Protein backbone atom coordinates (compact mmCIF):
# COMPACT_ATOMS: atom_id res chain seq x y z
CA UNK A 1 25.23 4.28 53.87
CA UNK A 2 27.21 6.48 51.48
CA UNK A 3 30.28 4.89 49.94
CA UNK A 4 33.80 6.15 50.60
CA UNK A 5 34.03 7.44 47.02
CA UNK A 6 30.78 9.37 47.32
CA UNK A 7 31.82 10.96 50.62
CA UNK A 8 35.19 11.92 49.16
CA UNK A 9 33.66 13.30 45.99
CA UNK A 10 31.07 15.35 47.87
CA UNK A 11 33.82 16.88 50.06
CA UNK A 12 35.85 17.83 46.98
CA UNK A 13 32.75 19.30 45.31
CA UNK A 14 32.00 21.43 48.39
CA UNK A 15 35.56 22.74 48.42
CA UNK A 16 35.49 23.50 44.70
CA UNK A 17 32.19 25.32 45.06
CA UNK A 18 33.69 27.47 47.83
CA UNK A 19 37.21 28.02 46.51
CA UNK A 20 37.30 27.00 42.85
CA UNK A 21 36.44 30.44 41.49
CA UNK A 22 39.39 32.18 43.12
CA UNK A 23 41.42 34.22 40.66
CA UNK A 24 45.15 33.90 40.17
CA UNK A 25 47.13 36.96 41.26
CA UNK A 26 48.57 39.17 38.54
CA UNK A 27 52.38 38.77 38.65
CA UNK A 28 52.98 42.42 37.84
CA UNK A 29 50.80 43.88 40.58
CA UNK A 30 49.36 41.38 43.04
CA UNK A 31 52.10 38.86 43.72
CA UNK A 32 53.38 38.94 47.29
CA UNK A 33 55.83 36.26 48.36
CA UNK A 34 57.13 35.20 51.76
CA UNK A 35 60.43 33.32 51.58
CA UNK A 36 62.14 31.41 54.38
CA UNK A 37 65.90 30.97 54.43
CA UNK A 38 66.48 34.11 52.35
CA UNK A 39 68.47 35.86 55.07
CA UNK A 40 71.53 33.61 54.69
CA UNK A 41 74.27 35.03 52.49
CA UNK A 42 74.73 33.01 49.31
CA UNK A 43 71.67 30.86 49.98
CA UNK A 44 69.10 29.47 47.56
CA UNK A 45 66.49 31.61 49.32
CA UNK A 46 68.51 34.75 48.67
CA UNK A 47 68.88 33.84 44.97
CA UNK A 48 65.10 33.38 44.71
CA UNK A 49 64.50 36.70 46.45
CA UNK A 50 66.70 38.45 43.88
CA UNK A 51 64.48 37.14 41.07
CA UNK A 52 61.70 39.46 42.26
CA UNK A 53 63.28 42.93 42.52
CA UNK A 54 60.35 45.10 41.40
CA UNK A 55 58.27 45.09 44.58
CA UNK A 56 56.79 41.72 43.67
CA UNK A 57 58.72 40.25 46.55
CA UNK A 58 57.49 41.61 49.88
CA UNK A 59 59.36 40.10 52.78
CA UNK A 60 61.58 37.25 53.87
CA UNK A 61 62.02 35.34 57.12
CA UNK A 62 64.54 32.78 58.28
CA UNK A 63 61.92 31.67 60.79
CA UNK A 64 58.31 32.76 60.44
CA UNK A 65 56.79 33.48 63.81
CA UNK A 66 53.67 31.60 64.89
CA UNK A 67 51.58 34.79 64.86
CA UNK A 68 52.72 35.98 61.41
CA UNK A 69 49.70 36.83 59.23
CA UNK A 70 50.06 35.62 55.63
CA UNK A 71 46.61 36.85 54.52
CA UNK A 72 47.85 39.25 51.83
CA UNK A 73 50.48 36.86 50.53
CA UNK A 74 49.86 34.86 47.38
CA UNK A 75 52.85 32.55 47.73
CA UNK A 76 55.08 30.88 50.30
CA UNK A 77 58.55 29.66 49.28
CA UNK A 78 60.43 27.61 51.86
CA UNK A 79 64.21 27.32 51.54
CA UNK A 80 65.12 26.56 55.15
CA UNK A 81 67.00 23.39 55.98
CA UNK A 82 69.38 21.67 58.38
CA UNK A 83 71.88 18.86 58.06
CA UNK A 84 74.40 16.98 60.18
CA UNK A 85 76.55 14.24 58.68
CA UNK A 86 77.78 11.24 60.63
CA UNK A 87 77.29 7.52 60.94
CA UNK A 88 73.99 6.54 62.58
CA UNK A 89 75.62 5.32 65.78
CA UNK A 90 77.57 8.57 66.19
CA UNK A 91 74.87 11.17 65.55
CA UNK A 92 73.91 13.00 68.78
CA UNK A 93 70.20 12.72 69.55
CA UNK A 94 69.81 16.49 69.52
CA UNK A 95 71.12 16.63 65.95
CA UNK A 96 68.61 14.00 64.82
CA UNK A 97 65.88 16.08 66.45
CA UNK A 98 67.12 19.27 64.76
CA UNK A 99 67.14 17.63 61.32
CA UNK A 100 63.60 16.29 61.60
CA UNK A 101 62.28 19.37 63.37
CA UNK A 102 63.59 21.90 60.84
CA UNK A 103 63.26 19.98 57.58
CA UNK A 104 59.96 18.18 58.17
CA UNK A 105 58.01 19.37 61.20
CA UNK A 106 58.91 23.02 60.69
CA UNK A 107 57.75 22.91 57.06
CA UNK A 108 54.50 21.14 57.95
CA UNK A 109 53.72 23.74 60.63
CA UNK A 110 54.54 26.63 58.30
CA UNK A 111 52.30 25.29 55.54
CA UNK A 112 49.49 24.86 58.07
CA UNK A 113 49.98 28.45 59.22
CA UNK A 114 49.99 29.75 55.64
CA UNK A 115 46.84 27.82 54.74
CA UNK A 116 44.97 28.97 57.86
CA UNK A 117 45.96 32.58 57.14
CA UNK A 118 45.02 32.60 53.46
CA UNK A 119 42.26 30.07 52.86
CA UNK A 120 39.59 32.80 52.98
CA UNK A 121 41.59 35.14 50.72
CA UNK A 122 40.07 35.84 47.27
CA UNK A 123 43.09 34.71 45.24
CA UNK A 124 44.62 31.30 44.52
CA UNK A 125 47.92 30.59 46.30
CA UNK A 126 51.17 28.75 45.56
CA UNK A 127 53.36 26.91 48.05
CA UNK A 128 56.86 25.90 46.97
CA UNK A 129 59.38 24.05 49.08
CA UNK A 130 63.00 23.23 48.28
CA UNK A 131 63.60 19.56 49.04
CA UNK A 132 66.65 17.49 48.15
CA UNK A 133 67.74 14.62 45.96
CA UNK A 134 68.10 12.83 49.33
CA UNK A 135 64.33 12.20 49.32
CA UNK A 136 64.82 8.96 47.38
CA UNK A 137 68.59 8.39 47.50
CA UNK A 138 70.76 6.55 50.02
CA UNK A 139 73.48 9.00 51.08
CA UNK A 140 76.35 8.09 53.39
CA UNK A 141 76.21 9.60 56.86
CA UNK A 142 72.84 11.19 56.15
CA UNK A 143 70.18 8.71 57.26
CA UNK A 144 68.09 11.15 59.31
CA UNK A 145 68.46 13.85 56.66
CA UNK A 146 67.31 11.46 53.91
CA UNK A 147 64.38 10.38 56.08
CA UNK A 148 63.36 14.01 56.69
CA UNK A 149 63.37 14.76 52.96
CA UNK A 150 61.50 11.56 52.10
CA UNK A 151 58.85 12.47 54.67
CA UNK A 152 58.69 16.00 53.31
CA UNK A 153 58.15 14.74 49.76
CA UNK A 154 55.25 12.54 50.89
CA UNK A 155 53.71 15.37 52.89
CA UNK A 156 53.83 17.64 49.84
CA UNK A 157 52.13 14.97 47.71
CA UNK A 158 49.34 14.67 50.29
CA UNK A 159 49.07 18.44 50.68
CA UNK A 160 48.85 18.96 46.91
CA UNK A 161 45.92 16.53 46.73
CA UNK A 162 44.13 17.85 49.79
CA UNK A 163 44.63 21.56 49.12
CA UNK A 164 44.03 21.71 45.35
CA UNK A 165 40.23 22.13 45.63
CA UNK A 166 40.74 24.67 48.42
CA UNK A 167 42.66 27.14 46.23
CA UNK A 168 46.31 26.07 46.64
CA UNK A 169 48.91 24.63 44.29
CA UNK A 170 51.76 22.91 46.13
CA UNK A 171 55.21 22.15 44.68
CA UNK A 172 58.48 20.56 45.75
CA UNK A 173 61.80 20.98 43.95
CA UNK A 174 64.56 18.44 44.62
CA UNK A 175 68.01 19.84 43.70
CA UNK A 176 71.10 17.70 43.28
CA UNK A 177 74.42 19.02 44.68
CA UNK A 178 74.40 22.82 44.57
CA UNK A 179 77.50 24.98 44.26
CA UNK A 180 78.57 27.17 47.18
CA UNK A 181 75.56 27.52 49.44
CA UNK A 182 75.51 27.53 53.26
CA UNK A 183 74.15 23.96 53.16
CA UNK A 184 76.98 22.89 50.83
CA UNK A 185 79.57 24.38 53.15
CA UNK A 186 78.04 22.56 56.13
CA UNK A 187 78.06 19.33 54.12
CA UNK A 188 81.77 19.72 53.32
CA UNK A 189 82.52 20.30 57.01
CA UNK A 190 80.47 17.22 57.86
CA UNK A 191 82.36 15.12 55.33
CA UNK A 192 85.68 16.27 56.79
CA UNK A 193 84.55 15.38 60.31
CA UNK A 194 82.94 11.99 59.87
CA UNK A 195 85.22 10.68 57.11
CA UNK A 196 88.33 12.23 58.69
CA UNK A 197 89.52 13.77 55.44
CA UNK A 198 90.80 17.23 54.54
CA UNK A 199 88.85 19.95 52.74
CA UNK A 200 90.23 19.18 49.28
CA UNK A 201 89.36 15.51 49.70
CA UNK A 202 85.89 16.41 50.96
CA UNK A 203 85.23 18.66 47.96
CA UNK A 204 86.43 15.92 45.60
CA UNK A 205 84.18 13.36 47.31
CA UNK A 206 81.20 15.72 47.19
CA UNK A 207 81.52 16.39 43.45
CA UNK A 208 82.59 12.89 42.35
CA UNK A 209 80.47 11.09 39.79
CA UNK A 210 78.95 14.17 38.15
CA UNK A 211 78.17 13.66 34.47
CA UNK A 212 78.43 17.40 33.84
CA UNK A 213 81.33 19.84 33.98
CA UNK A 214 79.75 21.82 36.78
CA UNK A 215 77.22 21.32 39.56
CA UNK A 216 73.79 22.87 39.83
CA UNK A 217 73.73 26.54 40.84
CA UNK A 218 71.34 28.32 43.17
CA UNK A 219 70.50 30.73 40.32
CA UNK A 220 69.25 27.82 38.20
CA UNK A 221 67.00 26.73 41.05
CA UNK A 222 65.73 30.30 41.37
CA UNK A 223 64.85 30.29 37.65
CA UNK A 224 62.63 27.23 38.12
CA UNK A 225 60.91 28.84 41.10
CA UNK A 226 60.38 31.99 39.05
CA UNK A 227 58.83 29.95 36.23
CA UNK A 228 56.42 28.20 38.60
CA UNK A 229 55.52 31.49 40.22
CA UNK A 230 54.79 33.42 37.03
CA UNK A 231 53.07 30.76 34.93
CA UNK A 232 50.09 28.42 35.00
CA UNK A 233 51.76 25.29 36.34
CA UNK A 234 48.94 23.66 38.30
CA UNK A 235 49.55 20.21 36.80
CA UNK A 236 53.07 20.19 38.24
CA UNK A 237 51.50 20.44 41.69
CA UNK A 238 52.41 17.48 43.90
CA UNK A 239 55.02 16.09 41.50
CA UNK A 240 58.64 15.74 42.65
CA UNK A 241 60.51 18.18 40.40
CA UNK A 242 64.01 16.71 40.21
CA UNK A 243 66.94 18.91 39.17
CA UNK A 244 69.33 16.02 38.57
CA UNK A 245 70.63 16.94 35.12
CA UNK A 246 70.25 13.35 33.91
CA UNK A 247 72.11 11.92 36.87
CA UNK A 248 70.88 8.56 38.17
């Protein structure tokens, strides 16, 4: 009977034989990117979209339909997300479902759809998802959100390992607090509601403890996505890329 290691190694070898010779798309001519969450004004997705103004970027979707064909796309960037802040005992069940469904299940399904659409394509593909520092932090009033991001991080690690020999590089970027995005504004509203504080107090709470003069910006995040997209970064695949600025 073949050992587990031999079975695993033969599977990887078969995948490399089939997909390992796929060429990387030329950024100046061949790069086509689908971005989720880019339709929201002031969002991280919109900032990433603006990094590709010269027809490199092709289309964006807040929600990609189940029948959307990604075949000609060389990259998928996912910036969608959902949050609801409150103490565990006060969070409505539907909000817990929404958090897990959008942040984790929705991303898993979209990656599956992208892989199924593009696995036979002749070029190598990149998948990038925007996670959160919540993936390994304990945040007040955010238990389900933290759990969704922790699950997402583990899924990306597994996907990076499983999909590498099939022609995909898979990345996850974990930003710290980001200035003035739709998610930030929802977080401030959540802080006001569950802590029963005013907007100024919520903003002060949200930014407290920073070791830098300002918080991370969506444009900085977009710069990291641009770097991954335009360079050979395959050995970053699967690693949690933390934009914490030295913060603990």
